[in-house]
Amino acid sequence: MTRIMLIASVLLGLGAMAPAMAEVYKWTDPDSGDTQYAHAMPVRDPRIKVIFVIDEKTGVVTETIRYLTPEEEQELKAQDDAQRKQLERDTYLVKTFLSVEEIERLRNERVETLDAQIQVKGALAFGQESKLTDLKTELAQYNFPVKSDSDLPAAPEDLLLDYARTLEQAQTYRDDVEALEDRKTRINAQFAADIKRFRELKGLNASNSQ
């Protein structure tokens, strides 16, 4: 029988049981390269790749124990974290909501709030962009952008500063709108997943939301 043990505590537990089970552990010493035998599990060392469990009476290998690689440990931890987060989310759903309609109502409230914020930021961006258009028209009578062969006068410093600030503010508002739109997309996706999961937990189908 061959078995891959994934949890260190289980491995150590098997080691403690060795004398009662009349088992011998066999492994290759990572320093000397020699084969080692003992009734107890060796101290965990990532350099020990495989440990054989041998029946002391028959000499038959009954198990093959392998420690997780760092990559496997990381993957296992990620899986455990995902399962824990899903359990927490499931608990939140069943304790917070009585129906799909309640989840949809909360979603709509949050989306409406975001839509209002998007509208405000969009209006501010539009205002700054309109101002930029006016500033560009005003700057057209000056050497702007600067050209070495232009006969036009240099643009006033305060006008250039106003243009730079307006350009920066317009970009900030556009970035805000984009961030809010992205947040809205993620919220809709999360609520869609929550509604689907809630139906699964409550044994509901798509046509029965109660």
Protein backbone atom coordinates (compact mmCIF):
# COMPACT_ATOMS: atom_id res chain seq x y z
CA MET A 1 0.00 0.00 0.00
CA THR A 2 1.37 3.38 -0.99
CA ARG A 3 0.11 6.57 0.58
CA ILE A 4 1.23 10.19 0.21
CA MET A 5 0.91 12.07 3.49
CA LEU A 6 0.19 15.76 3.03
CA ILE A 7 0.12 17.17 6.57
CA ALA A 8 3.17 17.32 8.80
CA SER A 9 1.19 16.71 11.97
CA VAL A 10 -0.16 13.48 10.51
CA LEU A 11 3.35 12.41 9.64
CA LEU A 12 4.57 13.05 13.15
CA GLY A 13 1.57 11.23 14.53
CA LEU A 14 2.45 8.15 12.52
CA GLY A 15 5.98 8.37 13.84
CA ALA A 16 4.73 8.30 17.41
CA MET A 17 2.70 5.18 16.65
CA ALA A 18 5.59 3.29 15.09
CA PRO A 19 6.60 1.07 18.04
CA ALA A 20 3.04 -0.14 18.62
CA MET A 21 2.62 -0.91 14.92
CA ALA A 22 6.02 -2.68 14.77
CA GLU A 23 7.06 -0.49 11.85
CA VAL A 24 10.49 0.68 10.77
CA TYR A 25 11.13 3.88 8.85
CA LYS A 26 13.70 3.90 6.09
CA TRP A 27 15.15 6.98 4.39
CA THR A 28 18.31 8.35 2.85
CA ASP A 29 20.35 10.66 5.03
CA PRO A 30 20.60 13.97 3.14
CA ASP A 31 24.10 14.68 4.47
CA SER A 32 25.88 11.35 4.18
CA GLY A 33 23.74 9.68 1.55
CA ASP A 34 23.53 6.57 3.74
CA THR A 35 20.33 4.59 4.25
CA GLN A 36 18.89 5.07 7.72
CA TYR A 37 16.50 2.87 9.71
CA ALA A 38 14.59 3.80 12.87
CA HIS A 39 11.38 3.10 14.74
CA ALA A 40 10.59 6.82 14.85
CA MET A 41 10.02 9.26 12.05
CA PRO A 42 13.09 11.31 11.21
CA VAL A 43 13.06 15.00 12.07
CA ARG A 44 11.40 16.79 9.21
CA ASP A 45 13.94 17.91 6.65
CA PRO A 46 12.89 19.20 3.20
CA ARG A 47 15.91 17.41 1.77
CA ILE A 48 14.40 14.03 2.70
CA LYS A 49 12.24 13.32 -0.31
CA VAL A 50 10.78 9.89 0.52
CA ILE A 51 10.37 7.80 3.67
CA PHE A 52 9.48 4.11 3.44
CA VAL A 53 7.46 2.42 6.18
CA ILE A 54 8.48 -1.21 6.57
CA ASP A 55 6.68 -3.95 8.48
CA GLU A 56 9.29 -5.08 10.99
CA LYS A 57 8.12 -8.68 10.95
CA THR A 58 7.76 -9.23 7.21
CA GLY A 59 10.17 -6.63 5.83
CA VAL A 60 7.46 -5.50 3.40
CA VAL A 61 7.13 -1.80 2.55
CA THR A 62 3.63 -0.88 3.69
CA GLU A 63 3.67 2.84 2.98
CA THR A 64 5.58 5.50 1.10
CA ILE A 65 5.57 8.86 2.82
CA ARG A 66 6.50 12.02 0.97
CA TYR A 67 6.77 15.52 2.36
CA LEU A 68 5.20 18.33 0.41
CA THR A 69 7.44 20.45 -1.76
CA PRO A 70 7.34 24.23 -1.07
CA GLU A 71 5.24 24.64 -4.21
CA GLU A 72 2.77 21.97 -3.07
CA GLU A 73 2.56 23.51 0.40
CA GLN A 74 1.80 26.89 -1.16
CA GLU A 75 -0.87 25.38 -3.40
CA LEU A 76 -2.44 23.50 -0.49
CA LYS A 77 -2.47 26.69 1.60
CA ALA A 78 -4.13 28.56 -1.26
CA GLN A 79 -6.80 25.85 -1.50
CA ASP A 80 -7.39 25.96 2.26
CA ASP A 81 -7.65 29.75 2.18
CA ALA A 82 -10.13 29.59 -0.71
CA GLN A 83 -12.27 27.02 1.14
CA ARG A 84 -12.17 29.10 4.33
CA LYS A 85 -13.22 32.26 2.48
CA GLN A 86 -16.02 30.38 0.72
CA LEU A 87 -17.27 29.03 4.05
CA GLU A 88 -17.21 32.54 5.52
CA ARG A 89 -19.11 33.87 2.50
CA ASP A 90 -21.67 31.06 2.70
CA THR A 91 -22.22 31.79 6.39
CA TYR A 92 -22.68 35.48 5.65
CA LEU A 93 -25.22 34.77 2.91
CA VAL A 94 -27.44 32.40 4.86
CA LYS A 95 -27.36 34.51 8.04
CA THR A 96 -27.91 37.86 6.34
CA PHE A 97 -30.49 37.21 3.62
CA LEU A 98 -33.85 35.50 3.56
CA SER A 99 -34.41 35.64 -0.19
CA VAL A 100 -32.78 36.41 -3.52
CA GLU A 101 -34.83 39.62 -3.64
CA GLU A 102 -33.04 40.92 -0.56
CA ILE A 103 -29.66 40.33 -2.21
CA GLU A 104 -30.84 42.00 -5.41
CA ARG A 105 -32.16 44.96 -3.43
CA LEU A 106 -28.81 45.49 -1.72
CA ARG A 107 -27.03 45.14 -5.07
CA ASN A 108 -29.29 47.76 -6.64
CA GLU A 109 -28.70 50.17 -3.77
CA ARG A 110 -24.93 49.89 -4.10
CA VAL A 111 -25.02 50.17 -7.88
CA GLU A 112 -27.26 53.23 -7.68
CA THR A 113 -24.81 54.85 -5.26
CA LEU A 114 -21.94 54.16 -7.65
CA ASP A 115 -23.94 55.46 -10.61
CA ALA A 116 -24.53 58.72 -8.74
CA GLN A 117 -20.80 59.03 -7.99
CA ILE A 118 -19.94 58.25 -11.60
CA GLN A 119 -22.34 60.93 -12.77
CA VAL A 120 -20.79 63.54 -10.46
CA LYS A 121 -17.23 62.68 -11.41
CA GLY A 122 -18.18 62.56 -15.08
CA ALA A 123 -19.70 66.02 -14.89
CA LEU A 124 -16.57 67.34 -13.20
CA ALA A 125 -14.39 65.73 -15.87
CA PHE A 126 -16.57 67.24 -18.60
CA GLY A 127 -16.27 70.67 -16.99
CA GLN A 128 -12.49 70.46 -16.86
CA GLU A 129 -12.31 69.19 -20.43
CA SER A 130 -14.49 72.08 -21.60
CA LYS A 131 -12.15 74.46 -19.80
CA LEU A 132 -9.20 72.77 -21.51
CA THR A 133 -10.79 73.45 -24.88
CA ASP A 134 -11.08 77.15 -24.03
CA LEU A 135 -7.52 77.27 -22.74
CA LYS A 136 -6.20 75.62 -25.90
CA THR A 137 -8.03 78.23 -27.98
CA GLU A 138 -6.44 80.97 -25.91
CA LEU A 139 -3.00 79.35 -26.11
CA ALA A 140 -3.25 79.11 -29.90
CA GLN A 141 -2.25 82.79 -30.16
CA TYR A 142 1.01 82.04 -28.39
CA ASN A 143 4.05 79.90 -29.13
CA PHE A 144 2.48 76.77 -27.64
CA PRO A 145 3.51 74.08 -27.96
CA VAL A 146 6.89 75.77 -28.09
CA LYS A 147 8.56 75.80 -31.52
CA SER A 148 11.98 77.23 -32.12
CA ASP A 149 11.03 78.79 -35.47
CA SER A 150 7.76 80.39 -34.29
CA ASP A 151 7.26 84.17 -34.41
CA LEU A 152 4.45 84.03 -31.86
CA PRO A 153 5.05 85.39 -28.34
CA ALA A 154 5.62 83.04 -25.42
CA ALA A 155 2.54 82.06 -23.50
CA PRO A 156 2.02 83.79 -20.14
CA GLU A 157 3.21 81.72 -17.21
CA ASP A 158 -0.11 81.94 -15.37
CA LEU A 159 -1.94 80.68 -18.48
CA LEU A 160 0.44 77.74 -18.80
CA LEU A 161 0.02 76.95 -15.12
CA ASP A 162 -3.76 77.07 -15.42
CA TYR A 163 -3.60 74.76 -18.44
CA ALA A 164 -1.35 72.26 -16.63
CA ARG A 165 -3.56 72.21 -13.53
CA THR A 166 -6.74 71.82 -15.56
CA LEU A 167 -5.21 69.01 -17.61
CA GLU A 168 -4.17 67.21 -14.43
CA GLN A 169 -7.56 67.68 -12.80
CA ALA A 170 -9.40 66.46 -15.89
CA GLN A 171 -7.24 63.32 -15.92
CA THR A 172 -7.89 62.77 -12.21
CA TYR A 173 -11.64 62.91 -12.74
CA ARG A 174 -11.41 60.57 -15.73
CA ASP A 175 -9.39 58.13 -13.61
CA ASP A 176 -12.00 58.39 -10.86
CA VAL A 177 -14.77 57.55 -13.32
CA GLU A 178 -12.81 54.57 -14.62
CA ALA A 179 -12.14 53.30 -11.08
CA LEU A 180 -15.82 53.63 -10.17
CA GLU A 181 -16.90 51.83 -13.34
CA ASP A 182 -14.45 49.03 -12.53
CA ARG A 183 -15.79 48.82 -8.99
CA LYS A 184 -19.34 48.67 -10.32
CA THR A 185 -18.39 45.79 -12.61
CA ARG A 186 -16.78 43.89 -9.74
CA ILE A 187 -19.75 44.50 -7.44
CA ASN A 188 -22.18 43.22 -10.07
CA ALA A 189 -20.00 40.14 -10.57
CA GLN A 190 -19.81 39.49 -6.81
CA PHE A 191 -23.55 39.83 -6.37
CA ALA A 192 -24.18 37.55 -9.36
CA ALA A 193 -21.94 34.93 -7.74
CA ASP A 194 -23.63 35.46 -4.37
CA ILE A 195 -27.10 35.03 -5.85
CA LYS A 196 -26.04 31.83 -7.63
CA ARG A 197 -24.44 30.48 -4.44
CA PHE A 198 -27.45 31.48 -2.31
CA ARG A 199 -29.75 29.53 -4.62
CA GLU A 200 -27.45 26.51 -4.31
CA LEU A 201 -27.37 26.74 -0.52
CA LYS A 202 -31.16 27.12 -0.32
CA GLY A 203 -31.89 24.53 -2.99
CA LEU A 204 -33.53 27.09 -5.30
CA ASN A 205 -33.57 27.12 -9.07
CA ALA A 206 -33.36 30.19 -11.29
CA SER A 207 -37.12 30.50 -11.61
CA ASN A 208 -37.75 30.20 -7.88
CA SER A 209 -36.01 32.97 -5.95
CA GLN A 210 -37.96 32.65 -2.70
